[in-house]
Amino acid sequence: MRQFVAEIEIAAPAERVWEILTDFAAYREWNPFMPRLDGEVRVGARLRARLVVAGAPTLRPRLRVTRVDSGRELRWVGRGPLVPR
């Protein structure tokens, strides 16, 4: 299975990072690559996303939450352009 993994060290308490990461409605304020993400933070939930890549049409992958470890990990899988299968 192909994967896209992103990690970054953030100088903030884990609780604050989790609060921002799971506030899908606010993604447009800080994430230019994914300015829209709608859905619930729970395993099995379907998410609607909009991905914006310079020079490419807007993408709308189908995502499903596969892991939620509150305060530590949020993982999803998806199908569509730029999303590994």
PDB file of N, CA and C in Angstrom:
ATOM      1  N   MET A   1       0.837  -1.171   0.000  1.00  0.00           N
ATOM      2  CA  MET A   1       0.000   0.000   0.000  1.00  0.00           C
ATOM      3  C   MET A   1       0.891   1.247   0.000  1.00  0.00           C
ATOM      4  N   ARG A   2       0.581   2.181  -0.874  1.00  0.00           N
ATOM      5  CA  ARG A   2       1.305   3.449  -0.888  1.00  0.00           C
ATOM      6  C   ARG A   2       0.778   4.322   0.242  1.00  0.00           C
ATOM      7  N   GLN A   3       1.664   5.142   0.812  1.00  0.00           N
ATOM      8  CA  GLN A   3       1.269   6.004   1.917  1.00  0.00           C
ATOM      9  C   GLN A   3       1.836   7.396   1.735  1.00  0.00           C
ATOM     10  N   PHE A   4       1.115   8.364   2.241  1.00  0.00           N
ATOM     11  CA  PHE A   4       1.598   9.731   2.359  1.00  0.00           C
ATOM     12  C   PHE A   4       1.593  10.019   3.844  1.00  0.00           C
ATOM     13  N   VAL A   5       2.750  10.257   4.415  1.00  0.00           N
ATOM     14  CA  VAL A   5       2.874  10.491   5.849  1.00  0.00           C
ATOM     15  C   VAL A   5       3.474  11.868   6.060  1.00  0.00           C
ATOM     16  N   ALA A   6       2.904  12.623   6.980  1.00  0.00           N
ATOM     17  CA  ALA A   6       3.432  13.947   7.290  1.00  0.00           C
ATOM     18  C   ALA A   6       3.641  14.054   8.797  1.00  0.00           C
ATOM     19  N   GLU A   7       4.785  14.566   9.172  1.00  0.00           N
ATOM     20  CA  GLU A   7       5.092  14.788  10.586  1.00  0.00           C
ATOM     21  C   GLU A   7       5.762  16.136  10.733  1.00  0.00           C
ATOM     22  N   ILE A   8       5.528  16.763  11.863  1.00  0.00           N
ATOM     23  CA  ILE A   8       6.185  18.025  12.169  1.00  0.00           C
ATOM     24  C   ILE A   8       6.220  18.192  13.686  1.00  0.00           C
ATOM     25  N   GLU A   9       7.270  18.779  14.189  1.00  0.00           N
ATOM     26  CA  GLU A   9       7.366  19.095  15.617  1.00  0.00           C
ATOM     27  C   GLU A   9       6.752  20.470  15.818  1.00  0.00           C
ATOM     28  N   ILE A  10       5.848  20.584  16.769  1.00  0.00           N
ATOM     29  CA  ILE A  10       5.157  21.838  17.032  1.00  0.00           C
ATOM     30  C   ILE A  10       5.407  22.233  18.484  1.00  0.00           C
ATOM     31  N   ALA A  11       5.836  23.469  18.670  1.00  0.00           N
ATOM     32  CA  ALA A  11       6.134  23.964  20.019  1.00  0.00           C
ATOM     33  C   ALA A  11       4.850  24.452  20.687  1.00  0.00           C
ATOM     34  N   ALA A  12       4.000  23.508  21.059  1.00  0.00           N
ATOM     35  CA  ALA A  12       2.734  23.818  21.726  1.00  0.00           C
ATOM     36  C   ALA A  12       2.286  22.576  22.483  1.00  0.00           C
ATOM     37  N   PRO A  13       1.459  22.755  23.485  1.00  0.00           N
ATOM     38  CA  PRO A  13       0.936  21.596  24.213  1.00  0.00           C
ATOM     39  C   PRO A  13       0.118  20.697  23.283  1.00  0.00           C
ATOM     40  N   ALA A  14       0.201  19.390  23.499  1.00  0.00           N
ATOM     41  CA  ALA A  14      -0.513  18.426  22.658  1.00  0.00           C
ATOM     42  C   ALA A  14      -2.013  18.710  22.631  1.00  0.00           C
ATOM     43  N   GLU A  15      -2.574  19.152  23.747  1.00  0.00           N
ATOM     44  CA  GLU A  15      -4.011  19.437  23.801  1.00  0.00           C
ATOM     45  C   GLU A  15      -4.393  20.546  22.835  1.00  0.00           C
ATOM     46  N   ARG A  16      -3.558  21.569  22.739  1.00  0.00           N
ATOM     47  CA  ARG A  16      -3.843  22.695  21.827  1.00  0.00           C
ATOM     48  C   ARG A  16      -3.708  22.252  20.376  1.00  0.00           C
ATOM     49  N   VAL A  17      -2.692  21.467  20.075  1.00  0.00           N
ATOM     50  CA  VAL A  17      -2.505  20.962  18.707  1.00  0.00           C
ATOM     51  C   VAL A  17      -3.700  20.097  18.316  1.00  0.00           C
ATOM     52  N   TRP A  18      -4.139  19.223  19.205  1.00  0.00           N
ATOM     53  CA  TRP A  18      -5.288  18.354  18.927  1.00  0.00           C
ATOM     54  C   TRP A  18      -6.546  19.183  18.668  1.00  0.00           C
ATOM     55  N   GLU A  19      -6.738  20.215  19.466  1.00  0.00           N
ATOM     56  CA  GLU A  19      -7.900  21.089  19.309  1.00  0.00           C
ATOM     57  C   GLU A  19      -7.932  21.709  17.902  1.00  0.00           C
ATOM     58  N   ILE A  20      -6.788  22.170  17.433  1.00  0.00           N
ATOM     59  CA  ILE A  20      -6.699  22.784  16.102  1.00  0.00           C
ATOM     60  C   ILE A  20      -6.843  21.725  15.013  1.00  0.00           C
ATOM     61  N   LEU A  21      -6.170  20.601  15.169  1.00  0.00           N
ATOM     62  CA  LEU A  21      -6.199  19.536  14.167  1.00  0.00           C
ATOM     63  C   LEU A  21      -7.598  18.982  13.956  1.00  0.00           C
ATOM     64  N   THR A  22      -8.394  18.924  14.996  1.00  0.00           N
ATOM     65  CA  THR A  22      -9.731  18.334  14.887  1.00  0.00           C
ATOM     66  C   THR A  22     -10.835  19.370  14.670  1.00  0.00           C
ATOM     67  N   ASP A  23     -10.475  20.620  14.548  1.00  0.00           N
ATOM     68  CA  ASP A  23     -11.447  21.679  14.226  1.00  0.00           C
ATOM     69  C   ASP A  23     -11.506  21.810  12.707  1.00  0.00           C
ATOM     70  N   PHE A  24     -12.190  20.866  12.074  1.00  0.00           N
ATOM     71  CA  PHE A  24     -12.223  20.803  10.616  1.00  0.00           C
ATOM     72  C   PHE A  24     -12.750  22.088   9.992  1.00  0.00           C
ATOM     73  N   ALA A  25     -13.713  22.733  10.615  1.00  0.00           N
ATOM     74  CA  ALA A  25     -14.298  23.955  10.063  1.00  0.00           C
ATOM     75  C   ALA A  25     -13.273  25.077   9.924  1.00  0.00           C
ATOM     76  N   ALA A  26     -12.212  25.045  10.718  1.00  0.00           N
ATOM     77  CA  ALA A  26     -11.201  26.109  10.693  1.00  0.00           C
ATOM     78  C   ALA A  26     -10.014  25.795   9.776  1.00  0.00           C
ATOM     79  N   TYR A  27     -10.016  24.653   9.094  1.00  0.00           N
ATOM     80  CA  TYR A  27      -8.878  24.310   8.239  1.00  0.00           C
ATOM     81  C   TYR A  27      -8.568  25.413   7.231  1.00  0.00           C
ATOM     82  N   ARG A  28      -9.597  26.067   6.691  1.00  0.00           N
ATOM     83  CA  ARG A  28      -9.375  27.100   5.682  1.00  0.00           C
ATOM     84  C   ARG A  28      -8.531  28.255   6.225  1.00  0.00           C
ATOM     85  N   GLU A  29      -8.471  28.417   7.540  1.00  0.00           N
ATOM     86  CA  GLU A  29      -7.711  29.501   8.150  1.00  0.00           C
ATOM     87  C   GLU A  29      -6.210  29.228   8.186  1.00  0.00           C
ATOM     88  N   TRP A  30      -5.804  27.949   8.131  1.00  0.00           N
ATOM     89  CA  TRP A  30      -4.378  27.646   8.291  1.00  0.00           C
ATOM     90  C   TRP A  30      -3.837  26.621   7.301  1.00  0.00           C
ATOM     91  N   ASN A  31      -4.691  25.961   6.522  1.00  0.00           N
ATOM     92  CA  ASN A  31      -4.221  24.898   5.646  1.00  0.00           C
ATOM     93  C   ASN A  31      -4.578  25.207   4.184  1.00  0.00           C
ATOM     94  N   PRO A  32      -3.689  25.872   3.456  1.00  0.00           N
ATOM     95  CA  PRO A  32      -4.000  26.232   2.066  1.00  0.00           C
ATOM     96  C   PRO A  32      -4.113  25.007   1.149  1.00  0.00           C
ATOM     97  N   PHE A  33      -3.498  23.898   1.503  1.00  0.00           N
ATOM     98  CA  PHE A  33      -3.569  22.673   0.704  1.00  0.00           C
ATOM     99  C   PHE A  33      -4.928  21.989   0.858  1.00  0.00           C
ATOM    100  N   MET A  34      -5.509  22.076   2.061  1.00  0.00           N
ATOM    101  CA  MET A  34      -6.816  21.461   2.326  1.00  0.00           C
ATOM    102  C   MET A  34      -7.714  22.496   3.007  1.00  0.00           C
ATOM    103  N   PRO A  35      -8.264  23.443   2.231  1.00  0.00           N
ATOM    104  CA  PRO A  35      -9.076  24.496   2.837  1.00  0.00           C
ATOM    105  C   PRO A  35     -10.481  24.059   3.244  1.00  0.00           C
ATOM    106  N   ARG A  36     -10.837  22.824   2.947  1.00  0.00           N
ATOM    107  CA  ARG A  36     -12.137  22.318   3.407  1.00  0.00           C
ATOM    108  C   ARG A  36     -11.995  20.878   3.864  1.00  0.00           C
ATOM    109  N   LEU A  37     -12.492  20.618   5.062  1.00  0.00           N
ATOM    110  CA  LEU A  37     -12.574  19.263   5.593  1.00  0.00           C
ATOM    111  C   LEU A  37     -13.805  19.219   6.482  1.00  0.00           C
ATOM    112  N   ASP A  38     -14.750  18.354   6.136  1.00  0.00           N
ATOM    113  CA  ASP A  38     -15.999  18.231   6.884  1.00  0.00           C
ATOM    114  C   ASP A  38     -16.193  16.790   7.316  1.00  0.00           C
ATOM    115  N   GLY A  39     -16.715  16.608   8.513  1.00  0.00           N
ATOM    116  CA  GLY A  39     -17.023  15.279   9.009  1.00  0.00           C
ATOM    117  C   GLY A  39     -16.800  15.203  10.507  1.00  0.00           C
ATOM    118  N   GLU A  40     -16.888  13.997  11.018  1.00  0.00           N
ATOM    119  CA  GLU A  40     -16.727  13.768  12.451  1.00  0.00           C
ATOM    120  C   GLU A  40     -15.376  13.134  12.762  1.00  0.00           C
ATOM    121  N   VAL A  41     -14.865  13.425  13.944  1.00  0.00           N
ATOM    122  CA  VAL A  41     -13.619  12.834  14.421  1.00  0.00           C
ATOM    123  C   VAL A  41     -13.971  11.553  15.165  1.00  0.00           C
ATOM    124  N   ARG A  42     -14.217  10.495  14.389  1.00  0.00           N
ATOM    125  CA  ARG A  42     -14.492   9.181  14.980  1.00  0.00           C
ATOM    126  C   ARG A  42     -14.150   8.118  13.943  1.00  0.00           C
ATOM    127  N   VAL A  43     -13.683   6.994  14.423  1.00  0.00           N
ATOM    128  CA  VAL A  43     -13.316   5.887  13.537  1.00  0.00           C
ATOM    129  C   VAL A  43     -14.528   5.485  12.708  1.00  0.00           C
ATOM    130  N   GLY A  44     -14.316   5.344  11.413  1.00  0.00           N
ATOM    131  CA  GLY A  44     -15.369   4.958  10.488  1.00  0.00           C
ATOM    132  C   GLY A  44     -16.075   6.131   9.831  1.00  0.00           C
ATOM    133  N   ALA A  45     -15.880   7.341  10.347  1.00  0.00           N
ATOM    134  CA  ALA A  45     -16.555   8.513   9.782  1.00  0.00           C
ATOM    135  C   ALA A  45     -16.034   8.810   8.379  1.00  0.00           C
ATOM    136  N   ARG A  46     -16.932   9.233   7.526  1.00  0.00           N
ATOM    137  CA  ARG A  46     -16.583   9.678   6.175  1.00  0.00           C
ATOM    138  C   ARG A  46     -16.304  11.174   6.240  1.00  0.00           C
ATOM    139  N   LEU A  47     -15.234  11.599   5.575  1.00  0.00           N
ATOM    140  CA  LEU A  47     -14.868  13.006   5.538  1.00  0.00           C
ATOM    141  C   LEU A  47     -14.980  13.515   4.111  1.00  0.00           C
ATOM    142  N   ARG A  48     -15.420  14.757   3.966  1.00  0.00           N
ATOM    143  CA  ARG A  48     -15.416  15.424   2.670  1.00  0.00           C
ATOM    144  C   ARG A  48     -14.303  16.453   2.710  1.00  0.00           C
ATOM    145  N   ALA A  49     -13.462  16.421   1.694  1.00  0.00           N
ATOM    146  CA  ALA A  49     -12.325  17.325   1.659  1.00  0.00           C
ATOM    147  C   ALA A  49     -12.252  18.030   0.310  1.00  0.00           C
ATOM    148  N   ARG A  50     -11.561  19.141   0.312  1.00  0.00           N
ATOM    149  CA  ARG A  50     -11.216  19.830  -0.927  1.00  0.00           C
ATOM    150  C   ARG A  50      -9.718  20.074  -0.863  1.00  0.00           C
ATOM    151  N   LEU A  51      -8.984  19.589  -1.863  1.00  0.00           N
ATOM    152  CA  LEU A  51      -7.538  19.777  -1.927  1.00  0.00           C
ATOM    153  C   LEU A  51      -7.220  20.754  -3.043  1.00  0.00           C
ATOM    154  N   VAL A  52      -6.313  21.674  -2.752  1.00  0.00           N
ATOM    155  CA  VAL A  52      -5.919  22.679  -3.721  1.00  0.00           C
ATOM    156  C   VAL A  52      -4.420  22.551  -3.960  1.00  0.00           C
ATOM    157  N   VAL A  53      -4.063  22.257  -5.209  1.00  0.00           N
ATOM    158  CA  VAL A  53      -2.658  22.126  -5.604  1.00  0.00           C
ATOM    159  C   VAL A  53      -2.420  23.114  -6.732  1.00  0.00           C
ATOM    160  N   ALA A  54      -1.399  23.940  -6.601  1.00  0.00           N
ATOM    161  CA  ALA A  54      -1.110  24.946  -7.627  1.00  0.00           C
ATOM    162  C   ALA A  54      -1.025  24.311  -9.013  1.00  0.00           C
ATOM    163  N   GLY A  55      -1.712  24.912  -9.961  1.00  0.00           N
ATOM    164  CA  GLY A  55      -1.656  24.456 -11.336  1.00  0.00           C
ATOM    165  C   GLY A  55      -2.514  23.244 -11.643  1.00  0.00           C
ATOM    166  N   ALA A  56      -3.318  22.797 -10.683  1.00  0.00           N
ATOM    167  CA  ALA A  56      -4.165  21.615 -10.889  1.00  0.00           C
ATOM    168  C   ALA A  56      -5.606  21.964 -10.536  1.00  0.00           C
ATOM    169  N   PRO A  57      -6.543  21.219 -11.097  1.00  0.00           N
ATOM    170  CA  PRO A  57      -7.936  21.465 -10.701  1.00  0.00           C
ATOM    171  C   PRO A  57      -8.156  21.075  -9.235  1.00  0.00           C
ATOM    172  N   THR A  58      -9.168  21.646  -8.621  1.00  0.00           N
ATOM    173  CA  THR A  58      -9.520  21.310  -7.243  1.00  0.00           C
ATOM    174  C   THR A  58      -9.876  19.832  -7.163  1.00  0.00           C
ATOM    175  N   LEU A  59      -9.364  19.178  -6.137  1.00  0.00           N
ATOM    176  CA  LEU A  59      -9.600  17.743  -5.941  1.00  0.00           C
ATOM    177  C   LEU A  59     -10.538  17.534  -4.766  1.00  0.00           C
ATOM    178  N   ARG A  60     -11.374  16.507  -4.872  1.00  0.00           N
ATOM    179  CA  ARG A  60     -12.319  16.177  -3.801  1.00  0.00           C
ATOM    180  C   ARG A  60     -12.232  14.682  -3.478  1.00  0.00           C
ATOM    181  N   PRO A  61     -11.199  14.292  -2.726  1.00  0.00           N
ATOM    182  CA  PRO A  61     -11.049  12.865  -2.401  1.00  0.00           C
ATOM    183  C   PRO A  61     -12.091  12.401  -1.397  1.00  0.00           C
ATOM    184  N   ARG A  62     -12.344  11.102  -1.399  1.00  0.00           N
ATOM    185  CA  ARG A  62     -13.226  10.477  -0.414  1.00  0.00           C
ATOM    186  C   ARG A  62     -12.339   9.921   0.691  1.00  0.00           C
ATOM    187  N   LEU A  63     -12.570  10.347   1.903  1.00  0.00           N
ATOM    188  CA  LEU A  63     -11.734   9.955   3.038  1.00  0.00           C
ATOM    189  C   LEU A  63     -12.572   9.241   4.090  1.00  0.00           C
ATOM    190  N   ARG A  64     -11.905   8.360   4.853  1.00  0.00           N
ATOM    191  CA  ARG A  64     -12.550   7.655   5.960  1.00  0.00           C
ATOM    192  C   ARG A  64     -11.575   7.613   7.122  1.00  0.00           C
ATOM    193  N   VAL A  65     -12.046   8.001   8.308  1.00  0.00           N
ATOM    194  CA  VAL A  65     -11.208   8.009   9.514  1.00  0.00           C
ATOM    195  C   VAL A  65     -10.950   6.568   9.940  1.00  0.00           C
ATOM    196  N   THR A  66      -9.664   6.223  10.126  1.00  0.00           N
ATOM    197  CA  THR A  66      -9.303   4.860  10.515  1.00  0.00           C
ATOM    198  C   THR A  66      -8.730   4.765  11.925  1.00  0.00           C
ATOM    199  N   ARG A  67      -8.286   5.883  12.483  1.00  0.00           N
ATOM    200  CA  ARG A  67      -7.733   5.829  13.842  1.00  0.00           C
ATOM    201  C   ARG A  67      -7.900   7.187  14.510  1.00  0.00           C
ATOM    202  N   VAL A  68      -8.368   7.139  15.747  1.00  0.00           N
ATOM    203  CA  VAL A  68      -8.453   8.331  16.583  1.00  0.00           C
ATOM    204  C   VAL A  68      -7.908   7.947  17.948  1.00  0.00           C
ATOM    205  N   ASP A  69      -6.784   8.532  18.302  1.00  0.00           N
ATOM    206  CA  ASP A  69      -6.197   8.368  19.626  1.00  0.00           C
ATOM    207  C   ASP A  69      -6.153   9.783  20.188  1.00  0.00           C
ATOM    208  N   SER A  70      -7.201  10.168  20.892  1.00  0.00           N
ATOM    209  CA  SER A  70      -7.404  11.550  21.309  1.00  0.00           C
ATOM    210  C   SER A  70      -6.144  12.185  21.892  1.00  0.00           C
ATOM    211  N   GLY A  71      -5.785  13.310  21.317  1.00  0.00           N
ATOM    212  CA  GLY A  71      -4.606  14.038  21.763  1.00  0.00           C
ATOM    213  C   GLY A  71      -3.302  13.539  21.184  1.00  0.00           C
ATOM    214  N   ARG A  72      -3.342  12.432  20.397  1.00  0.00           N
ATOM    215  CA  ARG A  72      -2.100  11.858  19.896  1.00  0.00           C
ATOM    216  C   ARG A  72      -2.087  11.564  18.394  1.00  0.00           C
ATOM    217  N   GLU A  73      -3.180  11.005  17.879  1.00  0.00           N
ATOM    218  CA  GLU A  73      -3.144  10.567  16.483  1.00  0.00           C
ATOM    219  C   GLU A  73      -4.526  10.636  15.844  1.00  0.00           C
ATOM    220  N   LEU A  74      -4.540  11.175  14.625  1.00  0.00           N
ATOM    221  CA  LEU A  74      -5.726  11.182  13.776  1.00  0.00           C
ATOM    222  C   LEU A  74      -5.277  10.660  12.425  1.00  0.00           C
ATOM    223  N   ARG A  75      -5.904   9.569  11.978  1.00  0.00           N
ATOM    224  CA  ARG A  75      -5.470   8.934  10.732  1.00  0.00           C
ATOM    225  C   ARG A  75      -6.679   8.676   9.848  1.00  0.00           C
ATOM    226  N   TRP A  76      -6.485   8.920   8.537  1.00  0.00           N
ATOM    227  CA  TRP A  76      -7.546   8.587   7.590  1.00  0.00           C
ATOM    228  C   TRP A  76      -6.940   7.984   6.341  1.00  0.00           C
ATOM    229  N   VAL A  77      -7.780   7.284   5.594  1.00  0.00           N
ATOM    230  CA  VAL A  77      -7.395   6.735   4.297  1.00  0.00           C
ATOM    231  C   VAL A  77      -8.363   7.313   3.284  1.00  0.00           C
ATOM    232  N   GLY A  78      -7.950   7.295   2.029  1.00  0.00           N
ATOM    233  CA  GLY A  78      -8.817   7.878   1.031  1.00  0.00           C
ATOM    234  C   GLY A  78      -8.580   7.342  -0.359  1.00  0.00           C
ATOM    235  N   ARG A  79      -9.457   7.783  -1.247  1.00  0.00           N
ATOM    236  CA  ARG A  79      -9.356   7.435  -2.656  1.00  0.00           C
ATOM    237  C   ARG A  79      -9.512   8.713  -3.455  1.00  0.00           C
ATOM    238  N   GLY A  80      -8.769   8.775  -4.525  1.00  0.00           N
ATOM    239  CA  GLY A  80      -8.851   9.921  -5.409  1.00  0.00           C
ATOM    240  C   GLY A  80      -7.463  10.363  -5.811  1.00  0.00           C
ATOM    241  N   PRO A  81      -7.365  11.339  -6.709  1.00  0.00           N
ATOM    242  CA  PRO A  81      -6.059  11.843  -7.131  1.00  0.00           C
ATOM    243  C   PRO A  81      -5.256  12.358  -5.926  1.00  0.00           C
ATOM    244  N   LEU A  82      -4.000  12.080  -5.899  1.00  0.00           N
ATOM    245  CA  LEU A  82      -3.060  12.464  -4.849  1.00  0.00           C
ATOM    246  C   LEU A  82      -3.292  11.773  -3.516  1.00  0.00           C
ATOM    247  N   VAL A  83      -4.227  10.862  -3.458  1.00  0.00           N
ATOM    248  CA  VAL A  83      -4.496  10.122  -2.223  1.00  0.00           C
ATOM    249  C   VAL A  83      -4.138   8.665  -2.471  1.00  0.00           C
ATOM    250  N   PRO A  84      -3.148   8.126  -1.728  1.00  0.00           N
ATOM    251  CA  PRO A  84      -2.773   6.725  -1.932  1.00  0.00           C
ATOM    252  C   PRO A  84      -3.949   5.787  -1.722  1.00  0.00           C
ATOM    253  N   ARG A  85      -3.949   4.699  -2.430  1.00  0.00           N
ATOM    254  CA  ARG A  85      -5.009   3.694  -2.278  1.00  0.00           C
ATOM    255  C   ARG A  85      -4.517   2.550  -1.421  1.00  0.00           C
TER     256      ARG A  85
END
